[in-house]
Amino acid sequence: MENQAAKKTMSQTDPMRDPRAVPVRRALISVSNKDGLHDFAAKLKEYGVEILSTGGTAKSLKEQGIEVRDVSDFTGFPEIMDGRVKTLHPKVHGGILARRDDPAHKQAMTDNEIGEIDLVVVNLYPFSEVVKDGADYQKAIENIDIGGPAMVRAAAKNHEYVAIVTDPQDYQKVLDDMDAHDGATTFTTRKRLAANAYALTATYDSNIASWFSNEIDQDEFPRRISFSGNWKETLRYGENSHQRAALYLDGTDRAGVATASQVQGKELSYNNLNDTDAAFELISEFEEPAVAIIKHANPCGVARGKDTLEAYKNALRCDPVSAFGGIIALNRPLNKATAEEIIKVFSEVIIAPSIEADAIDLLKSKEKLRVLTTGSMPNPADHRRIVKSLSGGLLVQDLDNGRITLDDLKVVTDREPTEQELKDMLFAFRVAKHVKSNAIVYAKNGATVGIGAGQMSRVDSTRIAALKAKEAAEKEGLDAPLTKGSVVASDAFFPFSDGLITAAEAGATAVIQPGGSIRDEDVIAAANDRGLAMVFTEMRHFRH
């Protein structure tokens, strides 16, 4: 009893100790998302707060027995134009924007019979959700909120006197603040709420602007561009332990690591998320069952197969040493047989569209292994823009969704490639698109057998890939390197013939590359001298 009495005394005296605390006497509530609304409003009524409300919100509150005053009664003006105009009124915005310590503002309120509004609770029309659900143009337009953002911005601007709540997750924070300060909100709380409010309106307008840009000519970049995200989680740290990091969602719900469900395992790190994204985007390129193993955002093994088990074994064969501690991505449901094989080697993350129940039970034996499901596969042909920050600016480009098909290939050598070589070349070139430049990929029978990534010299990438293939063969006790009889893909043209010659010496029989070098004829001649088949794609896939 003594503690409760002490708490009450502190509560009653707190406004005196915090002169910037503002008692909440009138609140305006107008929300689309009604989660937690009734309990929140009921608590406000316990504090004696008058509640103003509009349309569906007022109806919902009245049905719960909560006394509400309609905004139209407060303003003396009806809702018009199908609800487009209801809160856009001087009595609403005057009540929100008035400075309480300004005599001229107070006189204007008196002269115009404007009452103070101390708390504004608003969340906005679900524009992004409606668009994602396939709304037509007119329905999308009608879900662009006008009155809501106007009230949010007004209350946030005048946060010295008004609390603005835009997220149901903040209801309890406001109630706790009022409980601790005798029905008043503190400046610290109001300031934090205002920051959240401006972030909401910025995100909301950014989503609308992005939608509009997709509705008009795609050949031009907009004069102004914005990117927005909704916080999902704060990560333990960034790429390194001294860097802070967080994950934000862009609102598209595109299948991938950001929207995946975690079935089990430790918390995902920044590097886990980055590498898993690279793995899943790569594996989405293939229609057949396929598996990719990624390490530091580069593939160390990719393969197709009649099923995921065969694909995994062939992917692992490419570079089993680098696969240790890697990321495993599948484009088919993970079954028990494949899971049994995967857990023989330590992995950080497994990501798949779904996982069969008996495979989940098996994976529980590796409780720290992070296991993710996405529900579906992303479309690699989607039009998206990606952004990279620079000092003082942003680089924005379309996602590389270019895809080479058989009809795009131009044979430039005396020898035509075989049917199998053509299949392997298209596979290798698709993998090379996801390897850091300079990228070289050897492949045979639908599986990578050597990958060289991120070197300053293309010939060095060619040598490293061949060396990896030789080491993998030695590990299996084979006399010939895995590259013997393979094809080789280069993400950009060979500037000199030395890279191609190195590939031929490693055992490659066919080459796929963009072409376009001033020394193309020298490279073609080197291929002809060694009996290689070579095709040009006339499309490169730099990845920096």
Protein backbone atom coordinates (compact mmCIF):
# COMPACT_ATOMS: atom_id res chain seq x y z
CA MET A 1 0.00 0.00 0.00
CA GLU A 2 2.80 2.40 0.85
CA ASN A 3 4.46 1.78 -2.55
CA GLN A 4 1.16 2.40 -4.41
CA ALA A 5 0.61 5.63 -2.48
CA ALA A 6 4.15 6.75 -3.26
CA LYS A 7 3.64 5.97 -6.92
CA LYS A 8 0.40 7.98 -6.96
CA THR A 9 2.09 10.96 -5.31
CA MET A 10 4.91 10.90 -7.85
CA SER A 11 2.36 10.66 -10.68
CA GLN A 12 0.40 13.64 -9.39
CA THR A 13 3.48 15.81 -8.97
CA ASP A 14 5.16 14.75 -12.23
CA PRO A 15 3.59 17.51 -14.41
CA MET A 16 5.10 20.02 -12.01
CA ARG A 17 8.52 18.42 -12.46
CA ASP A 18 8.02 18.23 -16.25
CA PRO A 19 6.50 21.56 -17.31
CA ARG A 20 6.36 20.34 -20.96
CA ALA A 21 3.91 17.53 -20.12
CA VAL A 22 0.54 18.14 -21.84
CA PRO A 23 -2.67 16.68 -20.38
CA VAL A 24 -4.75 14.79 -22.97
CA ARG A 25 -8.31 16.14 -22.86
CA ARG A 26 -9.41 15.64 -26.48
CA ALA A 27 -8.28 13.03 -29.01
CA LEU A 28 -9.08 12.64 -32.70
CA ILE A 29 -9.08 9.02 -33.88
CA SER A 30 -9.36 8.01 -37.55
CA VAL A 31 -7.75 4.71 -38.49
CA SER A 32 -7.84 2.06 -41.22
CA ASN A 33 -5.98 -0.52 -39.09
CA LYS A 34 -8.19 -1.11 -36.05
CA ASP A 35 -5.87 -3.55 -34.24
CA GLY A 36 -5.94 -2.76 -30.53
CA LEU A 37 -8.17 0.27 -31.11
CA HIS A 38 -11.04 -0.58 -28.78
CA ASP A 39 -8.88 -1.28 -25.74
CA PHE A 40 -6.87 1.89 -26.38
CA ALA A 41 -9.96 4.07 -26.74
CA ALA A 42 -11.53 2.53 -23.65
CA LYS A 43 -8.44 3.46 -21.61
CA LEU A 44 -8.57 7.01 -22.94
CA LYS A 45 -12.17 7.28 -21.79
CA GLU A 46 -11.06 6.19 -18.29
CA TYR A 47 -8.88 9.32 -18.29
CA GLY A 48 -11.92 11.40 -19.26
CA VAL A 49 -10.67 12.07 -22.77
CA GLU A 50 -13.23 13.30 -25.31
CA ILE A 51 -12.89 11.27 -28.50
CA LEU A 52 -13.60 12.73 -31.95
CA SER A 53 -13.83 10.28 -34.81
CA THR A 54 -14.88 9.76 -38.41
CA GLY A 55 -16.79 7.27 -40.55
CA GLY A 56 -15.90 3.62 -40.01
CA THR A 57 -13.76 4.34 -36.97
CA ALA A 58 -16.60 6.12 -35.17
CA LYS A 59 -19.01 3.30 -36.05
CA SER A 60 -16.59 0.64 -34.78
CA LEU A 61 -16.05 2.45 -31.48
CA LYS A 62 -19.78 3.06 -30.93
CA GLU A 63 -20.49 -0.64 -31.52
CA GLN A 64 -18.16 -1.35 -28.59
CA GLY A 65 -20.08 1.02 -26.38
CA ILE A 66 -17.40 3.74 -26.46
CA GLU A 67 -18.79 7.26 -26.51
CA VAL A 68 -17.59 9.17 -29.59
CA ARG A 69 -18.30 12.59 -31.04
CA ASP A 70 -18.44 12.70 -34.83
CA VAL A 71 -15.96 15.08 -36.44
CA SER A 72 -18.78 16.53 -38.54
CA ASP A 73 -20.55 17.51 -35.30
CA PHE A 74 -17.31 19.07 -34.00
CA THR A 75 -16.73 21.08 -37.20
CA GLY A 76 -20.38 21.77 -38.04
CA PHE A 77 -19.63 20.60 -41.57
CA PRO A 78 -20.68 17.24 -43.08
CA GLU A 79 -18.44 14.68 -44.75
CA ILE A 80 -18.69 15.25 -48.52
CA MET A 81 -17.43 13.88 -51.81
CA ASP A 82 -17.57 10.22 -50.76
CA GLY A 83 -15.49 10.99 -47.69
CA ARG A 84 -12.70 12.72 -49.61
CA VAL A 85 -13.39 15.81 -47.49
CA LYS A 86 -14.11 15.25 -43.80
CA THR A 87 -11.17 16.34 -41.62
CA LEU A 88 -9.84 19.04 -43.95
CA HIS A 89 -11.39 21.79 -41.88
CA PRO A 90 -10.02 24.79 -39.89
CA LYS A 91 -11.55 23.51 -36.66
CA VAL A 92 -9.62 20.27 -37.01
CA HIS A 93 -6.32 21.71 -38.19
CA GLY A 94 -6.61 24.78 -35.99
CA GLY A 95 -7.13 22.53 -32.99
CA ILE A 96 -4.05 20.54 -33.94
CA LEU A 97 -1.70 23.31 -35.09
CA ALA A 98 -2.35 26.07 -32.55
CA ARG A 99 0.56 27.07 -30.35
CA ARG A 100 -0.85 26.99 -26.84
CA ASP A 101 1.51 29.69 -25.52
CA ASP A 102 0.92 32.17 -28.36
CA PRO A 103 -1.67 34.86 -27.46
CA ALA A 104 -2.53 35.47 -31.12
CA HIS A 105 -3.12 31.74 -31.68
CA LYS A 106 -5.27 31.53 -28.55
CA GLN A 107 -7.31 34.55 -29.65
CA ALA A 108 -7.84 33.02 -33.10
CA MET A 109 -9.13 29.85 -31.43
CA THR A 110 -11.52 31.88 -29.29
CA ASP A 111 -12.75 33.98 -32.20
CA ASN A 112 -13.40 30.90 -34.36
CA GLU A 113 -14.63 28.56 -31.65
CA ILE A 114 -11.73 26.11 -32.19
CA GLY A 115 -11.09 23.57 -29.47
CA GLU A 116 -7.68 22.11 -28.68
CA ILE A 117 -6.86 18.60 -29.89
CA ASP A 118 -4.14 17.06 -27.74
CA LEU A 119 -3.83 13.59 -29.27
CA VAL A 120 -4.19 12.52 -32.91
CA VAL A 121 -4.44 8.81 -33.70
CA VAL A 122 -4.27 8.18 -37.43
CA ASN A 123 -3.08 5.44 -39.72
CA LEU A 124 -3.48 5.71 -43.46
CA TYR A 125 -5.47 4.10 -46.22
CA PRO A 126 -3.78 0.79 -47.13
CA PHE A 127 -2.49 1.97 -50.49
CA SER A 128 0.42 -0.51 -50.79
CA GLU A 129 -1.72 -3.47 -49.73
CA VAL A 130 -4.44 -2.60 -52.25
CA VAL A 131 -1.90 -2.25 -55.06
CA LYS A 132 -0.23 -5.56 -54.17
CA ASP A 133 -3.64 -7.23 -54.32
CA GLY A 134 -3.97 -6.16 -57.96
CA ALA A 135 -6.22 -3.12 -57.64
CA ASP A 136 -7.09 -1.35 -60.86
CA TYR A 137 -5.96 2.21 -61.50
CA GLN A 138 -9.07 3.92 -60.12
CA LYS A 139 -9.18 1.84 -56.94
CA ALA A 140 -5.51 2.61 -56.34
CA ILE A 141 -6.21 6.34 -56.72
CA GLU A 142 -9.08 6.19 -54.23
CA ASN A 143 -6.75 4.56 -51.69
CA ILE A 144 -4.39 7.54 -51.72
CA ASP A 145 -5.06 9.14 -48.33
CA ILE A 146 -5.21 12.95 -48.17
CA GLY A 147 -6.80 13.95 -44.88
CA GLY A 148 -4.82 11.38 -42.91
CA PRO A 149 -1.34 12.53 -43.97
CA ALA A 150 -2.41 16.16 -43.51
CA MET A 151 -3.39 15.52 -39.88
CA VAL A 152 -0.30 13.39 -39.25
CA ARG A 153 2.03 16.09 -40.54
CA ALA A 154 0.18 18.85 -38.68
CA ALA A 155 0.31 16.99 -35.36
CA ALA A 156 3.94 16.01 -35.87
CA LYS A 157 4.87 19.62 -36.63
CA ASN A 158 3.15 20.78 -33.45
CA HIS A 159 4.55 17.96 -31.30
CA GLU A 160 5.47 20.52 -28.67
CA TYR A 161 1.78 20.34 -27.69
CA VAL A 162 0.22 17.42 -29.58
CA ALA A 163 0.95 13.68 -29.53
CA ILE A 164 0.64 11.89 -32.88
CA VAL A 165 0.17 8.10 -32.91
CA THR A 166 0.43 6.32 -36.27
CA ASP A 167 1.11 2.73 -35.24
CA PRO A 168 -0.96 0.44 -32.96
CA GLN A 169 2.33 -0.75 -31.47
CA ASP A 170 2.64 2.70 -29.86
CA TYR A 171 -0.73 2.61 -28.06
CA GLN A 172 0.68 1.08 -24.91
CA LYS A 173 3.65 3.48 -24.89
CA VAL A 174 1.23 6.42 -24.86
CA LEU A 175 -0.89 4.87 -22.13
CA ASP A 176 2.21 4.16 -20.05
CA ASP A 177 3.30 7.77 -20.48
CA MET A 178 -0.12 9.05 -19.45
CA ASP A 179 -0.24 6.68 -16.48
CA ALA A 180 3.16 7.87 -15.26
CA HIS A 181 2.29 11.56 -15.71
CA ASP A 182 -1.27 11.88 -14.49
CA GLY A 183 -2.96 11.69 -17.90
CA ALA A 184 -0.37 13.81 -19.70
CA THR A 185 2.13 13.04 -22.44
CA THR A 186 5.76 14.13 -22.15
CA PHE A 187 7.75 16.06 -24.70
CA THR A 188 10.20 13.16 -25.05
CA THR A 189 7.39 10.78 -26.04
CA ARG A 190 5.75 13.32 -28.37
CA LYS A 191 9.06 14.00 -30.11
CA ARG A 192 9.66 10.28 -30.73
CA LEU A 193 6.12 9.84 -32.01
CA ALA A 194 6.60 12.79 -34.37
CA ALA A 195 9.74 11.24 -35.82
CA ASN A 196 7.81 8.01 -36.46
CA ALA A 197 5.00 10.01 -38.05
CA TYR A 198 7.20 11.79 -40.57
CA ALA A 199 8.88 8.50 -41.45
CA LEU A 200 5.40 7.07 -42.13
CA THR A 201 4.29 9.89 -44.41
CA ALA A 202 7.62 9.81 -46.25
CA THR A 203 7.29 6.06 -46.79
CA TYR A 204 3.66 6.38 -47.81
CA ASP A 205 4.38 9.05 -50.42
CA SER A 206 7.44 7.14 -51.62
CA ASN A 207 5.30 4.06 -52.26
CA ILE A 208 2.78 6.13 -54.21
CA ALA A 209 5.54 7.77 -56.25
CA SER A 210 7.04 4.36 -57.05
CA TRP A 211 3.65 3.07 -58.16
CA PHE A 212 3.14 6.08 -60.40
CA SER A 213 6.58 5.64 -61.97
CA ASN A 214 5.59 2.09 -62.93
CA GLU A 215 2.36 3.35 -64.44
CA ILE A 216 4.11 5.72 -66.85
CA ASP A 217 6.94 5.55 -69.39
CA GLN A 218 9.69 3.22 -68.13
CA ASP A 219 12.23 4.56 -70.61
CA GLU A 220 13.00 7.55 -68.43
CA PHE A 221 14.18 7.73 -64.84
CA PRO A 222 12.06 10.04 -62.68
CA ARG A 223 13.41 13.50 -61.97
CA ARG A 224 13.23 12.72 -58.27
CA ILE A 225 13.38 9.28 -56.71
CA SER A 226 12.81 7.98 -53.22
CA PHE A 227 13.27 4.63 -51.55
CA SER A 228 11.45 3.57 -48.44
CA GLY A 229 11.46 0.70 -46.01
CA ASN A 230 9.64 -0.54 -42.95
CA TRP A 231 11.82 -1.67 -40.07
CA LYS A 232 11.67 -5.43 -39.52
CA GLU A 233 14.49 -6.07 -37.08
CA THR A 234 17.74 -4.70 -35.68
CA LEU A 235 20.66 -7.02 -36.37
CA ARG A 236 23.42 -7.89 -33.94
CA TYR A 237 25.86 -5.91 -36.09
CA GLY A 238 26.73 -5.22 -39.71
CA GLU A 239 29.46 -6.71 -41.88
CA ASN A 240 31.79 -6.28 -38.90
CA SER A 241 31.08 -6.17 -35.19
CA HIS A 242 31.70 -2.41 -34.86
CA GLN A 243 29.02 -1.59 -37.49
CA ARG A 244 25.33 -1.20 -36.63
CA ALA A 245 22.75 -2.74 -38.96
CA ALA A 246 19.02 -3.36 -39.39
CA LEU A 247 16.71 -5.07 -41.88
CA TYR A 248 13.95 -3.07 -43.57
CA LEU A 249 11.20 -4.35 -45.88
CA ASP A 250 10.43 -2.53 -49.12
CA GLY A 251 6.73 -3.41 -49.06
CA THR A 252 6.70 -5.52 -52.24
CA ASP A 253 6.41 -8.91 -50.48
CA ARG A 254 8.68 -10.38 -53.18
CA ALA A 255 9.67 -13.93 -52.25
CA GLY A 256 13.17 -13.90 -50.79
CA VAL A 257 15.25 -13.77 -47.67
CA ALA A 258 13.78 -10.49 -46.36
CA THR A 259 10.22 -11.85 -46.36
CA ALA A 260 11.07 -15.48 -45.54
CA SER A 261 9.86 -17.32 -42.44
CA GLN A 262 12.60 -18.69 -40.20
CA VAL A 263 11.82 -22.29 -39.24
CA GLN A 264 14.72 -22.72 -36.83
CA GLY A 265 18.24 -21.63 -36.00
CA LYS A 266 20.23 -18.72 -34.65
CA GLU A 267 19.49 -15.10 -35.41
CA LEU A 268 20.37 -14.14 -38.98
CA SER A 269 23.33 -11.78 -39.31
CA TYR A 270 23.88 -9.03 -41.87
CA ASN A 271 26.26 -11.27 -43.81
CA ASN A 272 23.83 -14.22 -43.60
CA LEU A 273 21.09 -12.10 -45.12
CA ASN A 274 23.30 -10.71 -47.86
CA ASP A 275 24.69 -14.11 -48.84
CA THR A 276 21.31 -15.84 -48.66
CA ASP A 277 19.80 -13.20 -50.91
CA ALA A 278 22.54 -13.82 -53.48
CA ALA A 279 21.93 -17.58 -53.29
CA PHE A 280 18.17 -17.40 -53.65
CA GLU A 281 18.22 -14.89 -56.51
CA LEU A 282 20.68 -17.12 -58.37
CA ILE A 283 18.67 -20.30 -57.93
CA SER A 284 15.50 -18.59 -59.14
CA GLU A 285 17.10 -18.46 -62.61
CA PHE A 286 16.44 -22.16 -63.21
CA GLU A 287 13.23 -24.00 -64.07
CA GLU A 288 14.61 -27.49 -63.35
CA PRO A 289 15.44 -28.70 -59.82
CA ALA A 290 18.59 -26.82 -58.85
CA VAL A 291 20.81 -26.09 -55.86
CA ALA A 292 23.31 -23.30 -55.26
CA ILE A 293 25.98 -23.10 -52.57
CA ILE A 294 27.13 -19.56 -51.81
CA LYS A 295 30.07 -18.22 -49.83
CA HIS A 296 30.64 -14.48 -49.34
CA ALA A 297 27.97 -13.66 -51.97
CA ASN A 298 29.73 -15.77 -54.64
CA PRO A 299 28.65 -19.24 -55.76
CA CYS A 300 31.11 -22.03 -55.03
CA GLY A 301 28.86 -24.63 -56.62
CA VAL A 302 25.65 -24.66 -58.68
CA ALA A 303 23.96 -27.61 -60.37
CA ARG A 304 20.74 -28.80 -61.94
CA GLY A 305 19.54 -32.37 -61.56
CA LYS A 306 16.66 -34.78 -61.90
CA ASP A 307 15.95 -33.92 -58.26
CA THR A 308 17.41 -31.73 -55.50
CA LEU A 309 19.53 -34.56 -54.10
CA GLU A 310 21.39 -35.03 -57.37
CA ALA A 311 21.66 -31.27 -57.82
CA TYR A 312 23.09 -30.80 -54.32
CA LYS A 313 25.71 -33.53 -54.71
CA ASN A 314 26.89 -32.08 -58.02
CA ALA A 315 26.94 -28.54 -56.66
CA LEU A 316 29.02 -29.63 -53.65
CA ARG A 317 31.45 -31.47 -55.91
CA CYS A 318 32.56 -28.20 -57.55
CA ASP A 319 34.32 -26.82 -54.45
CA PRO A 320 33.67 -28.85 -51.29
CA VAL A 321 36.32 -26.93 -49.32
CA SER A 322 34.70 -23.52 -49.87
CA ALA A 323 31.22 -24.98 -49.28
CA PHE A 324 32.03 -25.41 -45.58
CA GLY A 325 30.02 -22.78 -43.69
CA GLY A 326 28.15 -21.78 -46.83
CA ILE A 327 24.56 -20.94 -47.75
CA ILE A 328 22.41 -23.60 -49.44
CA ALA A 329 19.56 -22.46 -51.72
CA LEU A 330 17.04 -24.74 -53.43
CA ASN A 331 14.31 -23.93 -55.94
CA ARG A 332 12.23 -26.95 -54.92
CA PRO A 333 10.84 -28.14 -51.57
CA LEU A 334 13.57 -29.60 -49.36
CA ASN A 335 12.95 -33.30 -48.77
CA LYS A 336 14.42 -35.65 -46.17
CA ALA A 337 16.89 -37.35 -48.54
CA THR A 338 18.45 -34.03 -49.57
CA ALA A 339 18.45 -32.77 -45.98
CA GLU A 340 20.32 -35.90 -44.85
CA GLU A 341 23.05 -35.13 -47.38
CA ILE A 342 23.21 -31.41 -46.61
CA ILE A 343 23.76 -31.84 -42.86
CA LYS A 344 26.89 -33.91 -43.49
CA VAL A 345 28.68 -30.60 -44.16
CA PHE A 346 28.47 -27.58 -41.84
CA SER A 347 26.25 -24.87 -43.34
CA GLU A 348 25.09 -21.51 -42.04
CA VAL A 349 21.71 -21.21 -43.79
CA ILE A 350 19.30 -23.29 -45.87
CA ILE A 351 16.62 -21.48 -47.89
CA ALA A 352 13.91 -23.15 -49.95
CA PRO A 353 10.34 -22.39 -51.04
CA SER A 354 9.13 -25.03 -48.55
CA ILE A 355 10.38 -27.93 -46.43
CA GLU A 356 8.74 -31.30 -45.99
CA ALA A 357 7.79 -32.26 -42.43
CA ASP A 358 10.22 -35.18 -42.10
CA ALA A 359 13.05 -32.96 -43.35
CA ILE A 360 12.23 -30.38 -40.66
CA ASP A 361 12.37 -33.08 -38.02
CA LEU A 362 15.79 -34.16 -39.30
CA LEU A 363 17.16 -30.62 -39.36
CA LYS A 364 16.26 -30.13 -35.68
CA SER A 365 19.38 -32.15 -34.84
CA LYS A 366 21.33 -29.08 -36.07
CA GLU A 367 19.58 -26.57 -33.84
CA LYS A 368 21.89 -23.64 -34.72
CA LEU A 369 21.39 -24.14 -38.48
CA ARG A 370 19.25 -21.30 -39.82
CA VAL A 371 16.42 -22.70 -41.96
CA LEU A 372 14.19 -20.40 -44.04
CA THR A 373 11.11 -20.92 -46.20
CA THR A 374 9.79 -18.39 -48.72
CA GLY A 375 6.52 -19.94 -49.89
CA SER A 376 7.37 -19.41 -53.55
CA MET A 377 10.15 -18.43 -55.95
CA PRO A 378 10.78 -14.89 -57.21
CA ASN A 379 10.50 -14.12 -60.91
CA PRO A 380 14.03 -13.32 -62.17
CA ALA A 381 12.51 -11.35 -65.06
CA ASP A 382 10.76 -8.86 -62.75
CA HIS A 383 11.51 -5.21 -63.40
CA ARG A 384 13.12 -3.70 -60.29
CA ARG A 385 15.53 -0.91 -59.55
CA ILE A 386 18.51 -1.34 -57.28
CA VAL A 387 20.45 1.35 -55.48
CA LYS A 388 24.00 1.72 -54.22
CA SER A 389 25.05 4.55 -51.97
CA LEU A 390 27.98 6.79 -52.83
CA SER A 391 29.56 9.56 -50.85
CA GLY A 392 27.10 12.38 -51.49
CA GLY A 393 24.81 10.44 -53.82
CA LEU A 394 23.07 7.31 -55.02
CA LEU A 395 23.63 5.08 -58.03
CA VAL A 396 20.35 3.70 -59.36
CA GLN A 397 19.97 1.11 -62.09
CA ASP A 398 17.54 -1.49 -63.37
CA LEU A 399 18.08 -4.97 -62.00
CA ASP A 400 20.02 -7.19 -64.41
CA ASN A 401 17.09 -9.30 -65.59
CA GLY A 402 18.60 -9.98 -69.01
CA ARG A 403 18.36 -13.62 -70.06
CA ILE A 404 20.15 -15.22 -72.99
CA THR A 405 18.36 -17.98 -74.89
CA LEU A 406 19.47 -20.37 -77.62
CA ASP A 407 18.18 -18.01 -80.30
CA ASP A 408 20.42 -15.21 -79.01
CA LEU A 409 23.68 -17.13 -79.53
CA LYS A 410 25.96 -16.31 -82.45
CA VAL A 411 28.47 -18.99 -83.41
CA VAL A 412 31.77 -17.31 -84.38
CA THR A 413 34.12 -20.30 -84.76
CA ASP A 414 34.61 -22.90 -87.46
CA ARG A 415 33.25 -25.63 -85.21
CA GLU A 416 29.60 -25.59 -84.19
CA PRO A 417 28.93 -26.47 -80.53
CA THR A 418 27.23 -29.76 -79.75
CA GLU A 419 23.74 -29.90 -78.24
CA GLN A 420 25.20 -30.69 -74.80
CA GLU A 421 27.75 -27.89 -75.08
CA LEU A 422 24.94 -25.44 -75.90
CA LYS A 423 22.95 -26.54 -72.84
CA ASP A 424 25.99 -26.22 -70.61
CA MET A 425 26.99 -22.86 -72.06
CA LEU A 426 23.57 -21.35 -71.35
CA PHE A 427 23.69 -22.80 -67.83
CA ALA A 428 27.22 -21.50 -67.20
CA PHE A 429 26.42 -18.03 -68.54
CA ARG A 430 23.36 -17.80 -66.28
CA VAL A 431 25.52 -18.69 -63.28
CA ALA A 432 28.18 -16.19 -64.35
CA LYS A 433 25.56 -13.45 -64.10
CA HIS A 434 25.63 -13.99 -60.32
CA VAL A 435 29.41 -14.20 -59.87
CA LYS A 436 31.41 -11.08 -58.99
CA SER A 437 33.42 -9.73 -61.92
CA ASN A 438 35.70 -10.68 -63.43
CA ALA A 439 33.69 -13.93 -63.59
CA ILE A 440 34.70 -17.23 -65.14
CA VAL A 441 32.53 -20.34 -64.84
CA TYR A 442 33.39 -23.83 -66.07
CA ALA A 443 30.40 -26.21 -66.34
CA LYS A 444 29.74 -29.75 -67.47
CA ASN A 445 26.52 -31.77 -67.59
CA GLY A 446 24.46 -29.07 -65.86
CA ALA A 447 26.86 -28.42 -63.00
CA THR A 448 29.64 -25.97 -62.30
CA VAL A 449 33.07 -27.58 -62.08
CA GLY A 450 35.17 -24.48 -61.51
CA ILE A 451 34.39 -20.84 -60.60
CA GLY A 452 36.73 -17.85 -60.62
CA ALA A 453 35.35 -14.65 -59.08
CA GLY A 454 36.24 -11.07 -58.34
CA GLN A 455 39.73 -10.88 -59.80
CA MET A 456 41.26 -7.78 -61.32
CA SER A 457 42.43 -9.84 -64.31
CA ARG A 458 40.15 -12.13 -66.30
CA VAL A 459 42.99 -14.53 -66.99
CA ASP A 460 43.56 -14.83 -63.22
CA SER A 461 39.89 -15.75 -62.75
CA THR A 462 40.33 -18.37 -65.48
CA ARG A 463 43.38 -19.83 -63.73
CA ILE A 464 41.79 -19.81 -60.28
CA ALA A 465 38.68 -21.58 -61.56
CA ALA A 466 40.85 -24.24 -63.24
CA LEU A 467 42.92 -24.64 -60.08
CA LYS A 468 39.77 -25.16 -58.00
CA ALA A 469 38.63 -27.82 -60.47
CA LYS A 470 41.99 -29.58 -60.28
CA GLU A 471 41.90 -29.61 -56.47
CA ALA A 472 38.35 -30.98 -56.46
CA ALA A 473 39.42 -33.79 -58.84
CA GLU A 474 42.40 -34.67 -56.66
CA LYS A 475 40.10 -34.84 -53.64
CA GLU A 476 38.05 -37.44 -55.54
CA GLY A 477 41.18 -39.31 -56.62
CA LEU A 478 40.68 -38.50 -60.31
CA ASP A 479 43.56 -38.20 -62.74
CA ALA A 480 41.96 -35.49 -64.91
CA PRO A 481 40.62 -32.13 -63.68
CA LEU A 482 36.85 -31.67 -63.56
CA THR A 483 37.21 -29.07 -66.32
CA LYS A 484 38.22 -31.68 -68.88
CA GLY A 485 35.43 -31.68 -71.49
CA SER A 486 33.69 -28.70 -69.91
CA VAL A 487 32.44 -25.41 -71.35
CA VAL A 488 33.54 -22.04 -70.02
CA ALA A 489 31.51 -18.85 -69.59
CA SER A 490 32.91 -15.34 -69.21
CA ASP A 491 30.69 -12.52 -67.95
CA ALA A 492 32.41 -10.04 -70.30
CA PHE A 493 34.60 -10.32 -73.39
CA PHE A 494 38.11 -11.74 -73.34
CA PRO A 495 40.31 -8.68 -73.95
CA PHE A 496 43.17 -10.94 -75.05
CA SER A 497 43.42 -14.54 -76.16
CA ASP A 498 45.41 -15.57 -73.05
CA GLY A 499 42.29 -16.18 -70.97
CA LEU A 500 40.76 -18.38 -73.63
CA ILE A 501 44.04 -20.28 -74.07
CA THR A 502 44.17 -20.90 -70.31
CA ALA A 503 40.62 -22.28 -70.45
CA ALA A 504 41.53 -24.56 -73.36
CA GLU A 505 44.56 -25.85 -71.46
CA ALA A 506 42.26 -26.65 -68.53
CA GLY A 507 40.23 -28.90 -70.84
CA ALA A 508 37.36 -26.65 -71.94
CA THR A 509 35.93 -27.50 -75.36
CA ALA A 510 33.50 -24.62 -75.86
CA VAL A 511 33.27 -20.95 -74.84
CA ILE A 512 30.38 -18.54 -74.28
CA GLN A 513 31.18 -14.85 -73.94
CA PRO A 514 29.61 -11.50 -74.88
CA GLY A 515 32.18 -10.56 -77.55
CA GLY A 516 32.80 -6.95 -78.49
CA SER A 517 36.54 -6.66 -77.89
CA ILE A 518 38.75 -4.91 -80.44
CA ARG A 519 40.73 -8.18 -80.39
CA ASP A 520 37.77 -10.48 -81.03
CA GLU A 521 39.41 -11.80 -84.20
CA ASP A 522 42.52 -12.81 -82.24
CA VAL A 523 40.39 -14.63 -79.69
CA ILE A 524 38.36 -16.36 -82.41
CA ALA A 525 41.56 -17.43 -84.14
CA ALA A 526 42.92 -18.87 -80.89
CA ALA A 527 39.67 -20.83 -80.45
CA ASN A 528 39.86 -22.18 -84.02
CA ASP A 529 43.51 -23.18 -83.59
CA ARG A 530 42.50 -25.34 -80.60
CA GLY A 531 39.31 -26.76 -82.10
CA LEU A 532 37.03 -24.94 -79.67
CA ALA A 533 33.47 -23.92 -80.39
CA MET A 534 32.65 -20.37 -79.33
CA VAL A 535 29.48 -18.32 -79.24
CA PHE A 536 28.88 -14.62 -78.61
CA THR A 537 25.90 -13.40 -76.59
CA GLU A 538 26.30 -9.65 -77.19
CA MET A 539 25.14 -9.16 -73.60
CA ARG A 540 27.49 -8.92 -70.63
CA HIS A 541 26.76 -9.54 -66.96
CA PHE A 542 29.16 -7.44 -64.86
CA ARG A 543 28.39 -7.76 -61.15
CA HIS A 544 30.32 -5.47 -58.83
